[in-house]
Amino acid sequence: EVQLVESGGGLVQPGGSLTLSCVASGFTVSDSTIKWFRQGPGKGREWLASIFSVGSTQYAASVKGRFITTRDNAKNTMYLQMNNLKPEDTAVYYCATLGLRGQGTQVTVSS
């Protein structure tokens, strides 16, 4: 089965960090471009970052310098390390590739 499964969300205080995982099955992530998105309460979908098949990355201005996406080819898994989290980062985060997205994982930033 072709799927993406995210995990690692939770409740974190402002200024804290979380690392999300996105495990792929049914295809090889190193052959694909994987994107991270989020959707906050009452907001539209926001693209955050992409990791390309060659391993290069690209980030939205809103998270550049705070978020880092990486890939472990052996585990067929992508990661999104999120640092210096802010309340406005509260959202459901998910990974996606062409025609496929995960179910998402909730991140709540609150004191």
C-alpha atoms as a PDB file:
ATOM      1  CA  GLU A   1       0.000   0.000   0.000  1.00  0.00           C
ATOM      2  CA  VAL A   2       1.256   3.452  -0.921  1.00  0.00           C
ATOM      3  CA  GLN A   3       0.989   5.751   2.059  1.00  0.00           C
ATOM      4  CA  LEU A   4       2.561   8.441   4.221  1.00  0.00           C
ATOM      5  CA  VAL A   5       2.216   8.366   7.989  1.00  0.00           C
ATOM      6  CA  GLU A   6       3.172  11.295  10.184  1.00  0.00           C
ATOM      7  CA  SER A   7       3.960  11.216  13.875  1.00  0.00           C
ATOM      8  CA  GLY A   8       5.686  13.257  16.541  1.00  0.00           C
ATOM      9  CA  GLY A   9       3.183  16.013  17.167  1.00  0.00           C
ATOM     10  CA  GLY A  10       2.133  17.153  20.590  1.00  0.00           C
ATOM     11  CA  LEU A  11       1.961  20.039  23.008  1.00  0.00           C
ATOM     12  CA  VAL A  12       5.052  22.199  23.389  1.00  0.00           C
ATOM     13  CA  GLN A  13       5.756  25.510  25.083  1.00  0.00           C
ATOM     14  CA  PRO A  14       6.702  28.594  23.084  1.00  0.00           C
ATOM     15  CA  GLY A  15      10.379  28.489  22.266  1.00  0.00           C
ATOM     16  CA  GLY A  16      10.427  24.715  22.385  1.00  0.00           C
ATOM     17  CA  SER A  17      11.236  22.150  19.719  1.00  0.00           C
ATOM     18  CA  LEU A  18       9.587  19.137  18.132  1.00  0.00           C
ATOM     19  CA  THR A  19      10.625  16.741  15.417  1.00  0.00           C
ATOM     20  CA  LEU A  20       7.973  15.250  13.164  1.00  0.00           C
ATOM     21  CA  SER A  21       8.427  12.051  11.208  1.00  0.00           C
ATOM     22  CA  CYS A  22       6.861  11.045   7.918  1.00  0.00           C
ATOM     23  CA  VAL A  23       7.234   7.362   7.097  1.00  0.00           C
ATOM     24  CA  ALA A  24       6.631   6.365   3.500  1.00  0.00           C
ATOM     25  CA  SER A  25       5.626   2.958   2.227  1.00  0.00           C
ATOM     26  CA  GLY A  26       4.975   1.661  -1.245  1.00  0.00           C
ATOM     27  CA  PHE A  27       7.438   3.990  -2.912  1.00  0.00           C
ATOM     28  CA  THR A  28      10.993   5.250  -2.473  1.00  0.00           C
ATOM     29  CA  VAL A  29      11.293   8.716  -0.973  1.00  0.00           C
ATOM     30  CA  SER A  30      14.714   9.326  -2.481  1.00  0.00           C
ATOM     31  CA  ASP A  31      13.053   9.171  -5.902  1.00  0.00           C
ATOM     32  CA  SER A  32      10.452  11.758  -4.944  1.00  0.00           C
ATOM     33  CA  THR A  33       9.933  15.344  -3.863  1.00  0.00           C
ATOM     34  CA  ILE A  34       8.263  15.385  -0.463  1.00  0.00           C
ATOM     35  CA  LYS A  35       6.593  18.501   0.853  1.00  0.00           C
ATOM     36  CA  TRP A  36       5.534  19.542   4.333  1.00  0.00           C
ATOM     37  CA  PHE A  37       2.360  21.520   4.853  1.00  0.00           C
ATOM     38  CA  ARG A  38       0.309  22.709   7.784  1.00  0.00           C
ATOM     39  CA  GLN A  39      -3.192  23.933   8.327  1.00  0.00           C
ATOM     40  CA  GLY A  40      -3.936  26.017  11.365  1.00  0.00           C
ATOM     41  CA  PRO A  41      -7.350  26.547  12.919  1.00  0.00           C
ATOM     42  CA  GLY A  42      -9.449  28.623  10.570  1.00  0.00           C
ATOM     43  CA  LYS A  43      -6.597  28.934   8.106  1.00  0.00           C
ATOM     44  CA  GLY A  44      -5.817  27.578   4.673  1.00  0.00           C
ATOM     45  CA  ARG A  45      -3.090  25.121   3.818  1.00  0.00           C
ATOM     46  CA  GLU A  46       0.409  26.537   4.073  1.00  0.00           C
ATOM     47  CA  TRP A  47       3.424  25.030   2.358  1.00  0.00           C
ATOM     48  CA  LEU A  48       6.411  24.882   4.686  1.00  0.00           C
ATOM     49  CA  ALA A  49       9.256  22.986   3.079  1.00  0.00           C
ATOM     50  CA  SER A  50      10.266  20.635   0.313  1.00  0.00           C
ATOM     51  CA  ILE A  51      12.976  18.051   0.090  1.00  0.00           C
ATOM     52  CA  PHE A  52      13.866  17.035  -3.431  1.00  0.00           C
ATOM     53  CA  SER A  53      15.068  13.696  -4.758  1.00  0.00           C
ATOM     54  CA  VAL A  54      18.624  15.007  -4.980  1.00  0.00           C
ATOM     55  CA  GLY A  55      18.445  15.938  -1.305  1.00  0.00           C
ATOM     56  CA  SER A  56      18.264  19.685  -1.632  1.00  0.00           C
ATOM     57  CA  THR A  57      15.692  21.589   0.386  1.00  0.00           C
ATOM     58  CA  GLN A  58      13.560  24.684   0.149  1.00  0.00           C
ATOM     59  CA  TYR A  59      11.670  26.561   2.865  1.00  0.00           C
ATOM     60  CA  ALA A  60       8.875  29.057   3.223  1.00  0.00           C
ATOM     61  CA  ALA A  61       9.933  32.422   4.595  1.00  0.00           C
ATOM     62  CA  SER A  62       7.749  31.889   7.664  1.00  0.00           C
ATOM     63  CA  VAL A  63       9.827  28.923   8.849  1.00  0.00           C
ATOM     64  CA  LYS A  64      13.231  29.416   7.246  1.00  0.00           C
ATOM     65  CA  GLY A  65      15.910  29.355   9.891  1.00  0.00           C
ATOM     66  CA  ARG A  66      13.628  27.610  12.399  1.00  0.00           C
ATOM     67  CA  PHE A  67      12.542  24.425  10.597  1.00  0.00           C
ATOM     68  CA  ILE A  68      14.807  21.845   8.982  1.00  0.00           C
ATOM     69  CA  THR A  69      13.673  18.944   6.839  1.00  0.00           C
ATOM     70  CA  THR A  70      15.866  15.889   6.380  1.00  0.00           C
ATOM     71  CA  ARG A  71      15.556  12.414   4.938  1.00  0.00           C
ATOM     72  CA  ASP A  72      16.769   8.981   5.997  1.00  0.00           C
ATOM     73  CA  ASN A  73      16.830   6.874   2.847  1.00  0.00           C
ATOM     74  CA  ALA A  74      17.485   3.658   4.744  1.00  0.00           C
ATOM     75  CA  LYS A  75      14.305   4.179   6.763  1.00  0.00           C
ATOM     76  CA  ASN A  76      12.344   5.702   3.865  1.00  0.00           C
ATOM     77  CA  THR A  77      11.449   8.483   6.260  1.00  0.00           C
ATOM     78  CA  MET A  78      11.462  12.255   6.269  1.00  0.00           C
ATOM     79  CA  TYR A  79      11.777  14.485   9.299  1.00  0.00           C
ATOM     80  CA  LEU A  80      10.774  18.029  10.090  1.00  0.00           C
ATOM     81  CA  GLN A  81      12.750  19.486  12.972  1.00  0.00           C
ATOM     82  CA  MET A  82      10.953  22.520  14.346  1.00  0.00           C
ATOM     83  CA  ASN A  83      12.779  24.925  16.629  1.00  0.00           C
ATOM     84  CA  ASN A  84      11.815  28.105  18.451  1.00  0.00           C
ATOM     85  CA  LEU A  85       8.155  27.251  18.094  1.00  0.00           C
ATOM     86  CA  LYS A  86       5.570  30.015  18.370  1.00  0.00           C
ATOM     87  CA  PRO A  87       1.855  29.913  19.170  1.00  0.00           C
ATOM     88  CA  GLU A  88       1.134  30.721  15.534  1.00  0.00           C
ATOM     89  CA  ASP A  89       2.823  27.448  14.577  1.00  0.00           C
ATOM     90  CA  THR A  90      -0.169  25.597  16.061  1.00  0.00           C
ATOM     91  CA  ALA A  91      -1.611  23.499  13.261  1.00  0.00           C
ATOM     92  CA  VAL A  92      -2.057  20.044  11.806  1.00  0.00           C
ATOM     93  CA  TYR A  93       1.154  19.170  10.010  1.00  0.00           C
ATOM     94  CA  TYR A  94       1.354  16.699   7.185  1.00  0.00           C
ATOM     95  CA  CYS A  95       3.678  15.499   4.473  1.00  0.00           C
ATOM     96  CA  ALA A  96       2.688  14.979   0.893  1.00  0.00           C
ATOM     97  CA  THR A  97       3.900  14.001  -2.512  1.00  0.00           C
ATOM     98  CA  LEU A  98       2.172  13.826  -5.870  1.00  0.00           C
ATOM     99  CA  GLY A  99      -1.334  12.526  -5.314  1.00  0.00           C
ATOM    100  CA  LEU A 100      -0.659  11.391  -1.773  1.00  0.00           C
ATOM    101  CA  ARG A 101      -0.722  12.925   1.695  1.00  0.00           C
ATOM    102  CA  GLY A 102      -0.637  11.642   5.220  1.00  0.00           C
ATOM    103  CA  GLN A 103      -3.319  11.973   7.858  1.00  0.00           C
ATOM    104  CA  GLY A 104      -1.435  14.681   9.687  1.00  0.00           C
ATOM    105  CA  THR A 105      -0.210  15.194  13.219  1.00  0.00           C
ATOM    106  CA  GLN A 106      -1.355  17.939  15.574  1.00  0.00           C
ATOM    107  CA  VAL A 107       1.159  20.433  16.925  1.00  0.00           C
ATOM    108  CA  THR A 108       0.015  22.787  19.647  1.00  0.00           C
ATOM    109  CA  VAL A 109       2.274  25.556  20.905  1.00  0.00           C
ATOM    110  CA  SER A 110       1.009  26.969  24.144  1.00  0.00           C
ATOM    111  CA  SER A 111       2.145  27.850  27.627  1.00  0.00           C
END
